[in-house]
Every structure is written in C-alpha cells, then in structure tokens.
Amino acid sequence: MRIKAGHARKPNDHSIIPDYPKLNKLLFDALTGKNQQIVWQKNDFKNNVGDVGYNELITIGILIEDDILKVNYKPGMAAVPFFQQTTVVRFYHKLFAEWYAANYLSKCAGRMFPLLLRNKFKKINPVDLQFVFRFACGLNKKASSRIIKYLKGMEDGQSFASLCFFEQVGEMMSSGHCKDLLTGGDDQMPLIVDSFKGQQYRFLTLQLKATFAELRLSIAVI
C-alpha cells in the first residue's frame, strides 16, 4: 500500500516554504520551552534568522509585523516618552511555526542517539503541538518510525501514533510493515476504536478500516 494514495508530491518536496536551519531550531525551542513563545521582538527575531530569511518570510506572508505601544514605567526618565512604539513579529498561524519546528525534529530524529532523541520528544506536548510530530513524520522516513514507536509507548498514545502513521508520504507499505507499526509487531489483533473524538480521529478510523481491508488484515472494532 502507498500512504496518502494519489498524493502527487514526493517525500521531502517542501520547497514552497523556505527552509532555514537556524529558524527551525529557534521555533522548536520557542514552542517546546517552559514558557511557550509565539511572539518576538522584530530585531531579536531578525538577528536570529538573518536578513534573507526574515525578508522572505515577510514577503510570502508567513510572518507578520505588528506595531504596538509600550508603556514606559521607569521612574525619573523624563526625557523618555511615556509611550514607546515597538515592532513585534508573529506567524500568520501557529501551524507555520510548527512546520519549521517539525523540520528541526525530523533531522534530529533521523540521526540522533535514541536517549538524546527521547529527551527531545519529551519536550513536545502531543496535545498542543500535535502537528510538530505529524509534519515530522511526513518529512523523514527514519524519523517517522522513531516517532511512531515513541508515541505508541506513551499512555493512550496508540491512536495518535496511528494518525502519524498516515502522515508518511510516498512509502510503499507491506502488510507486515503496516501491522508492525500499528501493533508493535506481536501477534495481537489490531484494534480500531470507533469512539475517537474529533473530526481528525473519525477520519483516522475510516483510513484504518480501509487500510486493513486492502491488506486483508484482521481487525477488531470496539
């Protein structure tokens, strides 16, 4: 079987959105930090990303500049205006930030030692940052297998691992490989849960049913 059947793009064909390693790491650290950051001072962000990357992000509309008024509370600063204007930047949608963070994760997951990689995974809240995992699975074959294995080991992580399974692009899947990813490779019967909440998981249920039917694998619907 081919994941995302009929999808025209090839693995790693994501040249429409510019890729900058410094930006990828900056956004991964910002989204997974103790205090998640989604707004930056313009000059700070520009210094981290570089002029070329910054200008391209602004030009294509991914990054937005906002002018805000900041109150100066410092006493004894009569020469300084009470209100000061500053420019901050933010992404048009958080999904763009997650895309760049996923690029960083996919490269780490493809080459980093398992113990160090696990520490990276632990920083990511799969509820708040699910697309970091999902995008990464569509970018790197080795990363996807490591991510899926990690998610399956989490409490109640099987459903999300299955969702990430379908984010892979362009890979031919045998029935054995498919069953191994979804069940861990043992002899237990794969399970599909019809009570998944949300539109994404209802879609996942249909995808799983179609996949197992195509591969002629046994399933149990609960």
C-alpha atoms as a PDB file:
ATOM      1  CA  MET A   1       0.000   0.000   0.000  1.00  0.00           C
ATOM      2  CA  ARG A   2       1.084   3.589  -0.517  1.00  0.00           C
ATOM      3  CA  ILE A   3       0.493   6.124   2.231  1.00  0.00           C
ATOM      4  CA  LYS A   4      -1.640   9.076   1.112  1.00  0.00           C
ATOM      5  CA  ALA A   5      -2.559   7.324  -2.110  1.00  0.00           C
ATOM      6  CA  GLY A   6      -2.971   9.652  -5.053  1.00  0.00           C
ATOM      7  CA  HIS A   7      -0.913  12.375  -3.424  1.00  0.00           C
ATOM      8  CA  ALA A   8       1.301  13.886  -6.118  1.00  0.00           C
ATOM      9  CA  ARG A   9       4.177  15.283  -4.095  1.00  0.00           C
ATOM     10  CA  LYS A  10       7.309  13.320  -3.305  1.00  0.00           C
ATOM     11  CA  PRO A  11       8.893  12.858   0.131  1.00  0.00           C
ATOM     12  CA  ASN A  12      10.726  15.981   1.289  1.00  0.00           C
ATOM     13  CA  ASP A  13       9.287  18.018  -1.594  1.00  0.00           C
ATOM     14  CA  HIS A  14       8.550  21.051   0.560  1.00  0.00           C
ATOM     15  CA  SER A  15      10.403  23.724  -1.397  1.00  0.00           C
ATOM     16  CA  ILE A  16       7.368  26.009  -1.490  1.00  0.00           C
ATOM     17  CA  ILE A  17       8.089  27.065   2.096  1.00  0.00           C
ATOM     18  CA  PRO A  18      11.687  28.260   2.675  1.00  0.00           C
ATOM     19  CA  ASP A  19      13.829  26.146   4.968  1.00  0.00           C
ATOM     20  CA  TYR A  20      16.356  27.752   7.296  1.00  0.00           C
ATOM     21  CA  PRO A  21      18.143  25.605   9.916  1.00  0.00           C
ATOM     22  CA  LYS A  22      18.503  28.466  12.416  1.00  0.00           C
ATOM     23  CA  LEU A  23      14.817  29.262  12.104  1.00  0.00           C
ATOM     24  CA  ASN A  24      13.897  25.598  12.570  1.00  0.00           C
ATOM     25  CA  LYS A  25      15.815  25.325  15.830  1.00  0.00           C
ATOM     26  CA  LEU A  26      14.614  28.719  17.069  1.00  0.00           C
ATOM     27  CA  LEU A  27      10.984  27.705  16.638  1.00  0.00           C
ATOM     28  CA  PHE A  28      11.421  24.244  18.114  1.00  0.00           C
ATOM     29  CA  ASP A  29      12.998  25.751  21.240  1.00  0.00           C
ATOM     30  CA  ALA A  30      10.360  28.502  21.375  1.00  0.00           C
ATOM     31  CA  LEU A  31       7.379  26.141  21.097  1.00  0.00           C
ATOM     32  CA  THR A  32       8.719  23.461  23.445  1.00  0.00           C
ATOM     33  CA  GLY A  33      10.202  25.752  26.088  1.00  0.00           C
ATOM     34  CA  LYS A  34       8.845  26.070  29.607  1.00  0.00           C
ATOM     35  CA  ASN A  35       7.109  29.307  28.600  1.00  0.00           C
ATOM     36  CA  GLN A  36       5.978  28.828  25.009  1.00  0.00           C
ATOM     37  CA  GLN A  37       6.900  31.788  22.819  1.00  0.00           C
ATOM     38  CA  ILE A  38       4.904  32.752  19.741  1.00  0.00           C
ATOM     39  CA  VAL A  39       5.704  36.495  19.540  1.00  0.00           C
ATOM     40  CA  TRP A  40       9.168  38.022  19.190  1.00  0.00           C
ATOM     41  CA  GLN A  41      10.736  41.461  19.121  1.00  0.00           C
ATOM     42  CA  LYS A  42      11.431  42.202  15.468  1.00  0.00           C
ATOM     43  CA  ASN A  43      15.152  42.918  15.886  1.00  0.00           C
ATOM     44  CA  ASP A  44      15.742  39.852  18.066  1.00  0.00           C
ATOM     45  CA  PHE A  45      13.966  37.565  15.603  1.00  0.00           C
ATOM     46  CA  LYS A  46      15.715  39.116  12.619  1.00  0.00           C
ATOM     47  CA  ASN A  47      19.131  38.718  14.224  1.00  0.00           C
ATOM     48  CA  ASN A  48      18.449  35.027  14.868  1.00  0.00           C
ATOM     49  CA  VAL A  49      17.042  34.210  11.446  1.00  0.00           C
ATOM     50  CA  GLY A  50      19.085  36.548   9.248  1.00  0.00           C
ATOM     51  CA  ASP A  51      18.021  39.274   6.834  1.00  0.00           C
ATOM     52  CA  VAL A  52      17.452  36.972   3.842  1.00  0.00           C
ATOM     53  CA  GLY A  53      15.247  34.535   5.741  1.00  0.00           C
ATOM     54  CA  TYR A  54      13.358  37.283   7.520  1.00  0.00           C
ATOM     55  CA  ASN A  55      12.596  39.219   4.336  1.00  0.00           C
ATOM     56  CA  GLU A  56      11.428  36.092   2.532  1.00  0.00           C
ATOM     57  CA  LEU A  57       9.084  35.137   5.374  1.00  0.00           C
ATOM     58  CA  ILE A  58       7.604  38.644   5.338  1.00  0.00           C
ATOM     59  CA  THR A  59       7.285  38.706   1.545  1.00  0.00           C
ATOM     60  CA  ILE A  60       5.356  35.444   1.243  1.00  0.00           C
ATOM     61  CA  GLY A  61       3.113  36.398   4.162  1.00  0.00           C
ATOM     62  CA  ILE A  62       4.051  33.705   6.680  1.00  0.00           C
ATOM     63  CA  LEU A  63       5.447  36.242   9.133  1.00  0.00           C
ATOM     64  CA  ILE A  64       3.549  39.366  10.202  1.00  0.00           C
ATOM     65  CA  GLU A  65       4.832  42.573  11.786  1.00  0.00           C
ATOM     66  CA  ASP A  66       2.734  44.337  14.424  1.00  0.00           C
ATOM     67  CA  ASP A  67       3.437  47.816  15.795  1.00  0.00           C
ATOM     68  CA  ILE A  68       2.465  48.134  19.441  1.00  0.00           C
ATOM     69  CA  LEU A  69       2.647  50.875  22.047  1.00  0.00           C
ATOM     70  CA  LYS A  70       4.639  50.015  25.138  1.00  0.00           C
ATOM     71  CA  VAL A  71       4.233  51.951  28.380  1.00  0.00           C
ATOM     72  CA  ASN A  72       7.458  53.185  29.963  1.00  0.00           C
ATOM     73  CA  TYR A  73       7.128  52.700  33.722  1.00  0.00           C
ATOM     74  CA  LYS A  74      10.716  53.621  34.619  1.00  0.00           C
ATOM     75  CA  PRO A  75      10.769  56.465  37.184  1.00  0.00           C
ATOM     76  CA  GLY A  76      12.959  59.507  36.716  1.00  0.00           C
ATOM     77  CA  MET A  77      13.145  59.163  32.945  1.00  0.00           C
ATOM     78  CA  ALA A  78      11.532  62.457  31.988  1.00  0.00           C
ATOM     79  CA  ALA A  79      13.431  62.625  28.713  1.00  0.00           C
ATOM     80  CA  VAL A  80      11.953  59.321  27.577  1.00  0.00           C
ATOM     81  CA  PRO A  81       8.393  59.373  26.185  1.00  0.00           C
ATOM     82  CA  PHE A  82       5.796  57.704  28.396  1.00  0.00           C
ATOM     83  CA  PHE A  83       4.613  55.630  25.431  1.00  0.00           C
ATOM     84  CA  GLN A  84       7.141  53.910  23.214  1.00  0.00           C
ATOM     85  CA  GLN A  85       6.379  52.198  19.901  1.00  0.00           C
ATOM     86  CA  THR A  86       7.936  48.823  19.235  1.00  0.00           C
ATOM     87  CA  THR A  87       7.570  46.259  16.462  1.00  0.00           C
ATOM     88  CA  VAL A  88       6.940  42.594  17.182  1.00  0.00           C
ATOM     89  CA  VAL A  89       6.597  39.674  14.785  1.00  0.00           C
ATOM     90  CA  ARG A  90       4.403  36.593  14.826  1.00  0.00           C
ATOM     91  CA  PHE A  91       3.477  33.859  12.395  1.00  0.00           C
ATOM     92  CA  TYR A  92       0.217  34.189  10.479  1.00  0.00           C
ATOM     93  CA  HIS A  93      -0.827  30.882  12.021  1.00  0.00           C
ATOM     94  CA  LYS A  94       0.806  28.691  14.638  1.00  0.00           C
ATOM     95  CA  LEU A  95       0.858  25.852  12.091  1.00  0.00           C
ATOM     96  CA  PHE A  96       3.670  27.604  10.225  1.00  0.00           C
ATOM     97  CA  ALA A  97       5.752  27.710  13.393  1.00  0.00           C
ATOM     98  CA  GLU A  98       5.025  24.018  13.979  1.00  0.00           C
ATOM     99  CA  TRP A  99       6.135  23.237  10.412  1.00  0.00           C
ATOM    100  CA  TYR A 100       9.581  24.755  10.986  1.00  0.00           C
ATOM    101  CA  ALA A 101       9.869  23.110  14.400  1.00  0.00           C
ATOM    102  CA  ALA A 102       8.992  19.795  12.720  1.00  0.00           C
ATOM    103  CA  ASN A 103      11.824  20.285  10.228  1.00  0.00           C
ATOM    104  CA  TYR A 104      14.234  20.533  13.135  1.00  0.00           C
ATOM    105  CA  LEU A 105      12.706  17.483  14.835  1.00  0.00           C
ATOM    106  CA  SER A 106      12.792  15.357  11.681  1.00  0.00           C
ATOM    107  CA  LYS A 107      16.523  15.978  11.248  1.00  0.00           C
ATOM    108  CA  CYS A 108      17.190  15.200  14.921  1.00  0.00           C
ATOM    109  CA  ALA A 109      15.057  12.066  14.807  1.00  0.00           C
ATOM    110  CA  GLY A 110      16.873  10.861  11.721  1.00  0.00           C
ATOM    111  CA  ARG A 111      20.386  10.971  13.174  1.00  0.00           C
ATOM    112  CA  MET A 112      20.358  11.490  16.956  1.00  0.00           C
ATOM    113  CA  PHE A 113      21.124   8.757  19.502  1.00  0.00           C
ATOM    114  CA  PRO A 114      17.886   7.263  20.966  1.00  0.00           C
ATOM    115  CA  LEU A 115      18.472   8.508  24.524  1.00  0.00           C
ATOM    116  CA  LEU A 116      19.098  12.091  23.432  1.00  0.00           C
ATOM    117  CA  LEU A 117      16.208  11.922  20.991  1.00  0.00           C
ATOM    118  CA  ARG A 118      13.828  10.779  23.704  1.00  0.00           C
ATOM    119  CA  ASN A 119      14.628  13.939  25.644  1.00  0.00           C
ATOM    120  CA  LYS A 120      13.625  15.960  22.572  1.00  0.00           C
ATOM    121  CA  PHE A 121      10.365  14.023  22.277  1.00  0.00           C
ATOM    122  CA  LYS A 122       9.524  14.614  25.938  1.00  0.00           C
ATOM    123  CA  LYS A 123       9.597  18.365  25.372  1.00  0.00           C
ATOM    124  CA  ILE A 124       6.712  18.152  22.907  1.00  0.00           C
ATOM    125  CA  ASN A 125       3.171  18.190  24.231  1.00  0.00           C
ATOM    126  CA  PRO A 126       1.324  15.968  21.711  1.00  0.00           C
ATOM    127  CA  VAL A 127      -1.985  17.669  22.504  1.00  0.00           C
ATOM    128  CA  ASP A 128      -0.819  21.253  21.994  1.00  0.00           C
ATOM    129  CA  LEU A 129       1.857  20.537  19.374  1.00  0.00           C
ATOM    130  CA  GLN A 130       0.493  17.514  17.543  1.00  0.00           C
ATOM    131  CA  PHE A 131       1.487  18.890  14.143  1.00  0.00           C
ATOM    132  CA  VAL A 132       5.166  19.002  15.096  1.00  0.00           C
ATOM    133  CA  PHE A 133       5.016  15.211  15.297  1.00  0.00           C
ATOM    134  CA  ARG A 134       2.746  14.822  12.292  1.00  0.00           C
ATOM    135  CA  PHE A 135       4.716  17.080   9.962  1.00  0.00           C
ATOM    136  CA  ALA A 136       7.990  15.425  11.012  1.00  0.00           C
ATOM    137  CA  CYS A 137       6.583  12.017  10.071  1.00  0.00           C
ATOM    138  CA  GLY A 138       5.957  13.289   6.553  1.00  0.00           C
ATOM    139  CA  LEU A 139       9.474  14.654   6.181  1.00  0.00           C
ATOM    140  CA  ASN A 140      11.789  11.810   7.141  1.00  0.00           C
ATOM    141  CA  LYS A 141      11.315   8.042   6.890  1.00  0.00           C
ATOM    142  CA  LYS A 142      13.625   7.183   9.789  1.00  0.00           C
ATOM    143  CA  ALA A 143      12.151   9.969  11.905  1.00  0.00           C
ATOM    144  CA  SER A 144       8.618   8.701  11.338  1.00  0.00           C
ATOM    145  CA  SER A 145       9.415   5.177  12.562  1.00  0.00           C
ATOM    146  CA  ARG A 146      11.110   6.551  15.690  1.00  0.00           C
ATOM    147  CA  ILE A 147       8.290   8.995  16.409  1.00  0.00           C
ATOM    148  CA  ILE A 148       5.598   6.356  15.965  1.00  0.00           C
ATOM    149  CA  LYS A 149       7.477   3.950  18.235  1.00  0.00           C
ATOM    150  CA  TYR A 150       7.775   6.662  20.903  1.00  0.00           C
ATOM    151  CA  LEU A 151       4.100   7.625  20.703  1.00  0.00           C
ATOM    152  CA  LYS A 152       2.979   4.007  20.929  1.00  0.00           C
ATOM    153  CA  GLY A 153       4.921   3.728  24.185  1.00  0.00           C
ATOM    154  CA  MET A 154       3.017   6.640  25.731  1.00  0.00           C
ATOM    155  CA  GLU A 155      -0.113   6.100  27.788  1.00  0.00           C
ATOM    156  CA  ASP A 156      -3.097   6.298  25.408  1.00  0.00           C
ATOM    157  CA  GLY A 157      -0.681   7.092  22.579  1.00  0.00           C
ATOM    158  CA  GLN A 158      -1.757   4.348  20.172  1.00  0.00           C
ATOM    159  CA  SER A 159      -4.454   6.436  18.465  1.00  0.00           C
ATOM    160  CA  PHE A 160      -2.151   9.383  17.825  1.00  0.00           C
ATOM    161  CA  ALA A 161       0.622   7.037  16.645  1.00  0.00           C
ATOM    162  CA  SER A 162      -1.807   5.621  14.094  1.00  0.00           C
ATOM    163  CA  LEU A 163      -2.662   9.127  12.927  1.00  0.00           C
ATOM    164  CA  CYS A 164       1.041   9.908  12.454  1.00  0.00           C
ATOM    165  CA  PHE A 165       1.369   6.650  10.522  1.00  0.00           C
ATOM    166  CA  PHE A 166      -0.832   8.103   7.781  1.00  0.00           C
ATOM    167  CA  GLU A 167       1.239  11.289   7.567  1.00  0.00           C
ATOM    168  CA  GLN A 168       4.066   9.387   5.865  1.00  0.00           C
ATOM    169  CA  VAL A 169       4.408  10.184   2.182  1.00  0.00           C
ATOM    170  CA  GLY A 170       5.422   8.062  -0.745  1.00  0.00           C
ATOM    171  CA  GLU A 171       6.437   4.954   1.172  1.00  0.00           C
ATOM    172  CA  MET A 172       5.324   1.543  -0.006  1.00  0.00           C
ATOM    173  CA  MET A 173       3.918  -0.424   2.917  1.00  0.00           C
ATOM    174  CA  SER A 174       3.676  -4.197   3.068  1.00  0.00           C
ATOM    175  CA  SER A 175       1.022  -5.784   5.255  1.00  0.00           C
ATOM    176  CA  GLY A 176       3.731  -6.902   7.680  1.00  0.00           C
ATOM    177  CA  HIS A 177       5.176  -3.399   7.982  1.00  0.00           C
ATOM    178  CA  CYS A 178       1.735  -1.874   8.415  1.00  0.00           C
ATOM    179  CA  LYS A 179       0.759  -4.351  11.119  1.00  0.00           C
ATOM    180  CA  ASP A 180       4.112  -3.917  12.865  1.00  0.00           C
ATOM    181  CA  LEU A 181       3.724  -0.145  13.063  1.00  0.00           C
ATOM    182  CA  LEU A 182       0.193  -0.304  14.380  1.00  0.00           C
ATOM    183  CA  THR A 183       0.501  -3.206  16.827  1.00  0.00           C
ATOM    184  CA  GLY A 184       4.178  -3.357  17.768  1.00  0.00           C
ATOM    185  CA  GLY A 185       4.887  -6.479  15.735  1.00  0.00           C
ATOM    186  CA  ASP A 186       3.352  -9.026  18.111  1.00  0.00           C
ATOM    187  CA  ASP A 187       0.513 -11.421  17.396  1.00  0.00           C
ATOM    188  CA  GLN A 188      -2.247  -9.330  18.893  1.00  0.00           C
ATOM    189  CA  MET A 189      -5.123  -8.324  16.669  1.00  0.00           C
ATOM    190  CA  PRO A 190      -5.022  -4.661  15.573  1.00  0.00           C
ATOM    191  CA  LEU A 191      -7.761  -2.582  17.150  1.00  0.00           C
ATOM    192  CA  ILE A 192      -9.830   0.241  15.720  1.00  0.00           C
ATOM    193  CA  VAL A 193     -11.707   2.424  18.169  1.00  0.00           C
ATOM    194  CA  ASP A 194     -14.935   3.825  16.749  1.00  0.00           C
ATOM    195  CA  SER A 195     -15.380   6.279  19.598  1.00  0.00           C
ATOM    196  CA  PHE A 196     -12.447   8.526  18.591  1.00  0.00           C
ATOM    197  CA  LYS A 197     -13.311  12.132  19.345  1.00  0.00           C
ATOM    198  CA  GLY A 198     -12.944  14.889  16.787  1.00  0.00           C
ATOM    199  CA  GLN A 199     -13.032  15.018  13.023  1.00  0.00           C
ATOM    200  CA  GLN A 200      -9.385  14.007  12.604  1.00  0.00           C
ATOM    201  CA  TYR A 201      -9.871  10.777  14.520  1.00  0.00           C
ATOM    202  CA  ARG A 202     -13.102   9.951  12.725  1.00  0.00           C
ATOM    203  CA  PHE A 203     -11.092  10.287   9.510  1.00  0.00           C
ATOM    204  CA  LEU A 204      -8.399   8.091  11.070  1.00  0.00           C
ATOM    205  CA  THR A 205     -10.950   5.375  11.818  1.00  0.00           C
ATOM    206  CA  LEU A 206     -12.062   5.305   8.190  1.00  0.00           C
ATOM    207  CA  GLN A 207      -8.443   5.290   6.993  1.00  0.00           C
ATOM    208  CA  LEU A 208      -7.553   2.381   9.263  1.00  0.00           C
ATOM    209  CA  LYS A 209     -10.557   0.353   8.163  1.00  0.00           C
ATOM    210  CA  ALA A 210      -9.715   0.921   4.504  1.00  0.00           C
ATOM    211  CA  THR A 211      -6.054   0.076   5.041  1.00  0.00           C
ATOM    212  CA  PHE A 212      -6.664  -3.200   6.843  1.00  0.00           C
ATOM    213  CA  ALA A 213      -9.329  -4.185   4.335  1.00  0.00           C
ATOM    214  CA  GLU A 214      -6.894  -3.537   1.468  1.00  0.00           C
ATOM    215  CA  LEU A 215      -4.145  -5.545   3.161  1.00  0.00           C
ATOM    216  CA  ARG A 216      -6.577  -8.274   4.254  1.00  0.00           C
ATOM    217  CA  LEU A 217      -5.576  -7.999   7.897  1.00  0.00           C
ATOM    218  CA  SER A 218      -7.858  -8.996  10.749  1.00  0.00           C
ATOM    219  CA  ILE A 219      -9.295  -6.161  12.818  1.00  0.00           C
ATOM    220  CA  ALA A 220     -11.469  -5.782  15.864  1.00  0.00           C
ATOM    221  CA  VAL A 221     -13.805  -2.799  16.116  1.00  0.00           C
ATOM    222  CA  ILE A 222     -14.550  -1.728  19.690  1.00  0.00           C
END
